[in-house]
N, C-alpha and C. Protein backbone atom coordinates (compact mmCIF):
# COMPACT_ATOMS: atom_id res chain seq x y z
N MET A 1 -10.78 4.91 1.48
CA MET A 1 -9.74 3.93 2.11
C MET A 1 -9.55 2.75 0.93
N HIS A 2 -10.43 2.35 0.06
CA HIS A 2 -10.50 1.21 -0.53
C HIS A 2 -9.07 1.41 -1.53
N ALA A 3 -9.63 2.80 -2.51
CA ALA A 3 -8.30 3.09 -3.27
C ALA A 3 -6.86 2.94 -2.89
N LYS A 4 -6.86 3.58 -1.49
CA LYS A 4 -5.49 3.32 -1.05
C LYS A 4 -4.68 2.11 0.00
N LEU A 5 -5.67 1.14 0.13
CA LEU A 5 -5.51 -0.40 0.50
C LEU A 5 -5.24 -1.08 -0.75
N ILE A 6 -5.72 -1.00 -2.15
CA ILE A 6 -5.58 -1.20 -3.62
C ILE A 6 -3.91 -0.89 -3.68
N ALA A 7 -3.72 0.26 -3.60
CA ALA A 7 -2.34 0.71 -3.55
C ALA A 7 -1.08 0.26 -3.23
N LEU A 8 -1.71 0.01 -2.20
CA LEU A 8 -0.75 0.16 -1.03
C LEU A 8 -0.15 -1.50 -1.29
N ARG A 9 -1.09 -2.57 -1.53
CA ARG A 9 -1.14 -4.14 -2.16
C ARG A 9 -0.31 -3.95 -3.24
N GLU A 10 -0.75 -3.14 -4.05
CA GLU A 10 -0.10 -3.48 -5.18
C GLU A 10 1.30 -2.90 -5.18
N GLY A 11 1.79 -2.00 -4.18
CA GLY A 11 3.21 -1.54 -4.15
C GLY A 11 3.73 -2.65 -3.27
N LEU A 12 3.06 -3.31 -2.46
CA LEU A 12 3.84 -4.23 -1.52
C LEU A 12 3.98 -5.36 -2.40
N ALA A 13 3.26 -5.62 -3.53
CA ALA A 13 3.42 -6.97 -4.16
C ALA A 13 4.93 -6.46 -4.92
N TYR A 14 4.78 -5.39 -5.64
CA TYR A 14 5.57 -4.52 -6.71
C TYR A 14 7.28 -4.58 -6.13
N VAL A 15 7.17 -4.30 -5.03
CA VAL A 15 8.39 -4.36 -3.89
C VAL A 15 9.09 -5.58 -3.54
N GLY A 16 7.92 -6.53 -3.71
CA GLY A 16 8.53 -8.15 -3.20
C GLY A 16 8.90 -8.89 -4.25
N LYS A 17 9.09 -8.14 -5.79
CA LYS A 17 10.08 -8.64 -6.62
C LYS A 17 11.67 -8.42 -6.24
N TRP A 18 11.99 -7.60 -5.39
CA TRP A 18 13.11 -6.83 -4.71
C TRP A 18 13.38 -7.33 -3.43
N SER A 19 13.21 -8.35 -3.21
CA SER A 19 13.25 -8.41 -1.51
C SER A 19 14.43 -7.98 -0.75
N SER A 20 15.65 -7.92 -1.21
CA SER A 20 16.85 -7.64 -0.43
C SER A 20 16.89 -5.98 -0.68
N LEU A 21 16.30 -5.05 -0.88
CA LEU A 21 16.40 -3.72 -1.08
C LEU A 21 15.51 -3.14 0.05
N VAL A 22 15.57 -2.11 0.83
CA VAL A 22 15.40 -1.44 1.83
C VAL A 22 14.10 -0.35 1.35
N CYS A 23 13.10 -0.77 1.37
CA CYS A 23 11.94 0.20 1.12
C CYS A 23 11.19 1.02 2.22
N HIS A 24 10.95 2.32 1.90
CA HIS A 24 10.35 2.89 2.96
C HIS A 24 9.24 3.58 2.27
N ILE A 25 7.91 3.13 2.88
CA ILE A 25 6.73 3.59 2.15
C ILE A 25 5.72 4.51 3.24
N GLU A 26 6.06 5.72 2.46
CA GLU A 26 5.26 6.95 3.38
C GLU A 26 3.85 7.08 2.93
N TRP A 27 2.75 7.11 4.02
CA TRP A 27 1.67 7.02 3.64
C TRP A 27 0.84 8.21 4.41
N ASP A 28 -0.17 8.74 3.91
CA ASP A 28 -0.86 10.01 4.34
C ASP A 28 -2.41 10.01 5.02
N SER A 29 -2.48 8.18 5.49
CA SER A 29 -3.90 7.44 5.57
C SER A 29 -3.42 7.24 6.78
N GLN A 30 -3.83 7.85 8.22
CA GLN A 30 -3.39 7.27 9.19
C GLN A 30 -4.29 5.67 10.05
N GLY A 31 -5.80 5.65 8.86
CA GLY A 31 -6.58 4.69 9.14
C GLY A 31 -6.14 3.48 8.57
N VAL A 32 -5.43 3.32 7.53
CA VAL A 32 -4.84 2.51 6.74
C VAL A 32 -3.97 1.85 7.47
N LEU A 33 -2.94 2.93 7.85
CA LEU A 33 -1.54 2.34 8.25
C LEU A 33 -1.92 1.67 9.54
N HIS A 34 -2.96 2.17 10.50
CA HIS A 34 -3.29 1.55 11.69
C HIS A 34 -3.99 0.26 11.45
N SER A 35 -4.90 0.17 10.43
CA SER A 35 -5.33 -1.21 10.17
C SER A 35 -4.45 -2.10 9.88
N ILE A 36 -3.29 -1.53 8.91
CA ILE A 36 -2.64 -2.99 8.64
C ILE A 36 -1.37 -3.42 9.87
N GLN A 37 -0.85 -2.35 10.75
CA GLN A 37 -0.19 -2.25 11.73
C GLN A 37 -0.56 -2.93 13.05
N GLN A 38 -2.16 -3.25 13.06
CA GLN A 38 -2.53 -3.89 14.06
C GLN A 38 -2.23 -5.32 14.19
N GLY A 39 -2.18 -5.84 15.26
CA GLY A 39 -2.34 -7.56 14.97
C GLY A 39 -3.52 -8.01 15.61
N GLN A 40 -4.63 -7.72 15.58
CA GLN A 40 -5.61 -8.33 15.65
C GLN A 40 -6.27 -8.37 14.37
N ALA A 41 -7.68 -9.13 13.98
CA ALA A 41 -8.29 -9.21 12.89
C ALA A 41 -9.32 -8.19 12.81
N ASP A 42 -9.09 -7.80 11.59
CA ASP A 42 -10.16 -6.78 11.04
C ASP A 42 -11.60 -7.15 10.55
N LEU A 43 -12.56 -6.62 11.00
CA LEU A 43 -13.72 -7.33 10.78
C LEU A 43 -14.61 -6.07 9.98
N SER A 44 -13.45 -5.07 8.91
CA SER A 44 -14.70 -4.29 8.43
C SER A 44 -14.81 -4.83 6.77
N HIS A 45 -15.64 -4.24 6.02
CA HIS A 45 -16.10 -4.22 5.17
C HIS A 45 -14.50 -4.78 3.71
N LEU A 46 -13.47 -3.82 4.52
CA LEU A 46 -12.22 -3.83 4.08
C LEU A 46 -11.08 -5.10 4.34
N ARG A 47 -11.43 -6.19 4.86
CA ARG A 47 -10.83 -6.69 5.58
C ARG A 47 -10.08 -7.72 4.44
N CYS A 48 -10.44 -7.91 3.38
CA CYS A 48 -9.83 -9.12 2.50
C CYS A 48 -8.52 -7.94 1.86
N LEU A 49 -8.87 -6.76 1.85
CA LEU A 49 -7.78 -6.14 1.43
C LEU A 49 -6.76 -5.91 2.47
N ILE A 50 -6.98 -5.92 3.68
CA ILE A 50 -6.36 -5.26 4.68
C ILE A 50 -5.67 -6.90 4.96
N GLU A 51 -6.10 -7.71 4.96
CA GLU A 51 -5.50 -9.14 5.28
C GLU A 51 -4.10 -9.20 4.07
N ASP A 52 -4.67 -8.99 2.96
CA ASP A 52 -3.55 -9.28 1.59
C ASP A 52 -2.53 -8.30 1.94
N CYS A 53 -2.76 -7.18 2.57
CA CYS A 53 -1.42 -5.98 2.62
C CYS A 53 -0.77 -6.48 3.96
N LYS A 54 -1.23 -6.85 4.71
CA LYS A 54 -0.42 -7.86 5.94
C LYS A 54 0.22 -8.97 5.56
N ALA A 55 -0.36 -9.63 4.45
CA ALA A 55 0.32 -10.89 4.51
C ALA A 55 1.55 -10.48 3.51
N LEU A 56 1.39 -9.45 2.49
CA LEU A 56 2.60 -9.17 1.76
C LEU A 56 3.76 -8.39 2.48
N TRP A 57 3.24 -7.24 3.34
CA TRP A 57 4.31 -6.88 4.30
C TRP A 57 5.26 -7.82 5.18
N ALA A 58 4.07 -8.91 5.40
CA ALA A 58 5.08 -9.50 6.34
C ALA A 58 6.16 -10.60 5.63
N LYS A 59 6.00 -10.69 4.47
CA LYS A 59 6.72 -11.44 3.47
C LYS A 59 7.72 -10.63 3.56
N GLN A 60 8.14 -9.24 3.23
CA GLN A 60 8.93 -8.19 3.09
C GLN A 60 10.07 -8.55 3.97
N GLU A 61 11.32 -8.27 3.71
CA GLU A 61 12.47 -8.21 4.85
C GLU A 61 12.73 -6.99 5.44
N ILE A 62 12.57 -5.91 4.72
CA ILE A 62 12.98 -4.71 5.04
C ILE A 62 12.15 -3.50 4.12
N VAL A 63 10.86 -3.38 4.88
CA VAL A 63 9.52 -2.51 4.32
C VAL A 63 9.37 -1.73 5.35
N TYR A 64 9.44 -0.30 5.80
CA TYR A 64 8.94 0.38 6.78
C TYR A 64 7.72 1.40 6.28
N LEU A 65 6.80 1.21 6.83
CA LEU A 65 5.24 1.82 6.77
C LEU A 65 5.73 3.23 7.69
N ARG A 66 5.32 4.20 7.23
CA ARG A 66 5.51 5.77 8.16
C ARG A 66 4.21 6.58 7.60
N TYR A 67 3.67 7.22 8.45
CA TYR A 67 2.74 8.20 8.40
C TYR A 67 3.55 9.37 8.08
N MET A 68 2.72 10.56 7.14
CA MET A 68 3.55 11.69 6.91
C MET A 68 2.15 12.16 6.32
N GLU A 69 2.19 13.92 6.34
CA GLU A 69 1.16 14.49 5.91
C GLU A 69 0.57 14.68 4.77
N ARG A 70 -0.66 14.49 4.26
CA ARG A 70 -1.24 14.51 3.13
C ARG A 70 -0.87 15.45 1.83
N ASP A 71 -0.56 17.12 2.42
CA ASP A 71 0.33 17.81 1.50
C ASP A 71 1.70 17.51 0.98
N ALA A 72 2.04 16.76 1.98
CA ALA A 72 3.53 16.47 1.69
C ALA A 72 3.65 15.19 0.77
N ASN A 73 2.66 14.21 0.42
CA ASN A 73 2.58 13.24 0.00
C ASN A 73 1.83 12.80 -1.28
N GLY A 74 1.62 13.77 -2.23
CA GLY A 74 0.75 14.12 -3.22
C GLY A 74 0.93 12.69 -4.33
N VAL A 75 2.00 12.31 -4.47
CA VAL A 75 2.39 11.18 -5.34
C VAL A 75 1.69 9.78 -5.16
N ALA A 76 1.34 9.82 -3.67
CA ALA A 76 0.43 8.69 -3.39
C ALA A 76 -0.99 8.99 -3.40
N THR A 77 -1.32 9.80 -3.20
CA THR A 77 -2.73 10.35 -3.74
C THR A 77 -2.89 10.47 -4.86
N CYS A 78 -2.26 10.82 -5.85
CA CYS A 78 -2.21 10.55 -7.51
C CYS A 78 -2.32 8.82 -7.85
N TYR A 79 -1.58 8.10 -7.19
CA TYR A 79 -1.35 6.81 -7.45
C TYR A 79 -2.58 6.06 -6.72
N ALA A 80 -2.89 6.43 -5.98
CA ALA A 80 -4.62 5.96 -4.98
C ALA A 80 -5.73 6.29 -5.94
N LEU A 81 -5.77 7.31 -6.56
CA LEU A 81 -6.54 7.92 -7.59
C LEU A 81 -6.67 7.13 -9.05
N TYR A 82 -5.23 6.75 -9.57
CA TYR A 82 -5.04 6.32 -10.34
C TYR A 82 -5.62 4.81 -10.39
N SER A 83 -5.33 4.16 -9.13
CA SER A 83 -5.56 2.63 -9.53
C SER A 83 -6.93 2.38 -9.30
N GLN A 84 -7.81 3.41 -8.78
CA GLN A 84 -9.32 3.07 -8.95
C GLN A 84 -9.99 2.53 -10.08
N GLY A 85 -9.04 2.53 -11.41
CA GLY A 85 -9.81 2.63 -12.43
C GLY A 85 -9.24 1.69 -13.32
N MET A 86 -8.32 0.34 -12.51
CA MET A 86 -7.36 -0.41 -13.01
C MET A 86 -7.20 -1.18 -12.23
N ALA A 87 -7.52 -2.89 -12.52
CA ALA A 87 -7.32 -3.91 -11.38
C ALA A 87 -6.35 -4.10 -11.51
N GLU A 88 -5.04 -4.18 -12.27
CA GLU A 88 -3.61 -4.31 -12.01
C GLU A 88 -2.77 -4.13 -13.11
N TRP A 89 -1.59 -3.93 -13.32
CA TRP A 89 -0.65 -3.40 -14.31
C TRP A 89 -0.47 -5.15 -15.23
N VAL A 90 -0.29 -4.43 -16.28
CA VAL A 90 -0.64 -5.36 -17.32
C VAL A 90 0.95 -5.85 -17.50
N ILE A 91 1.82 -5.15 -17.80
CA ILE A 91 3.35 -4.91 -18.22
C ILE A 91 3.91 -3.99 -17.55
N ASP A 92 3.53 -2.07 -17.68
CA ASP A 92 4.43 -0.95 -17.34
C ASP A 92 3.39 -0.38 -16.18
N PRO A 93 4.00 0.21 -15.38
CA PRO A 93 3.75 0.99 -14.35
C PRO A 93 3.19 2.18 -14.99
N PRO A 94 2.45 2.97 -13.85
CA PRO A 94 1.82 4.30 -14.81
C PRO A 94 3.04 5.21 -15.04
N ASP A 95 2.99 6.20 -16.04
CA ASP A 95 3.80 7.05 -16.53
C ASP A 95 4.31 7.88 -15.29
N PHE A 96 3.35 8.29 -14.43
CA PHE A 96 4.19 9.27 -13.43
C PHE A 96 4.90 8.74 -12.41
N LEU A 97 5.13 7.11 -11.93
CA LEU A 97 5.97 6.67 -11.21
C LEU A 97 7.35 7.24 -11.59
C-alpha cells in the first residue's frame, strides 16, 4: 500500500500542473481509495502519505478517483512498483508512461 500511495501522491502532484484538465485516475486498491475518500483522520502508519494525497486531491478542480480490477489496471501496478526505487522524478517521467 505504501508504494501505491507514493504513486498516487506523485500522480496528483503531476496532474496539478494542468488544473484545467479533467483527470480520471483508475485505482486497483480499494484500501487506498477508501483511505483517501474518507473524511475522518487516518491514524495508521501511512497517515502522512494519506494526508498528502487528500490535500493534493482537494486542490484539483476535476479529478475523479475510481476503483477497477487489478488485472485490468497493469499500468498502475507497474508504476507503483517502479516508484518504490525513487524518491521523485528529476526531469522526465518513466519511459513506460
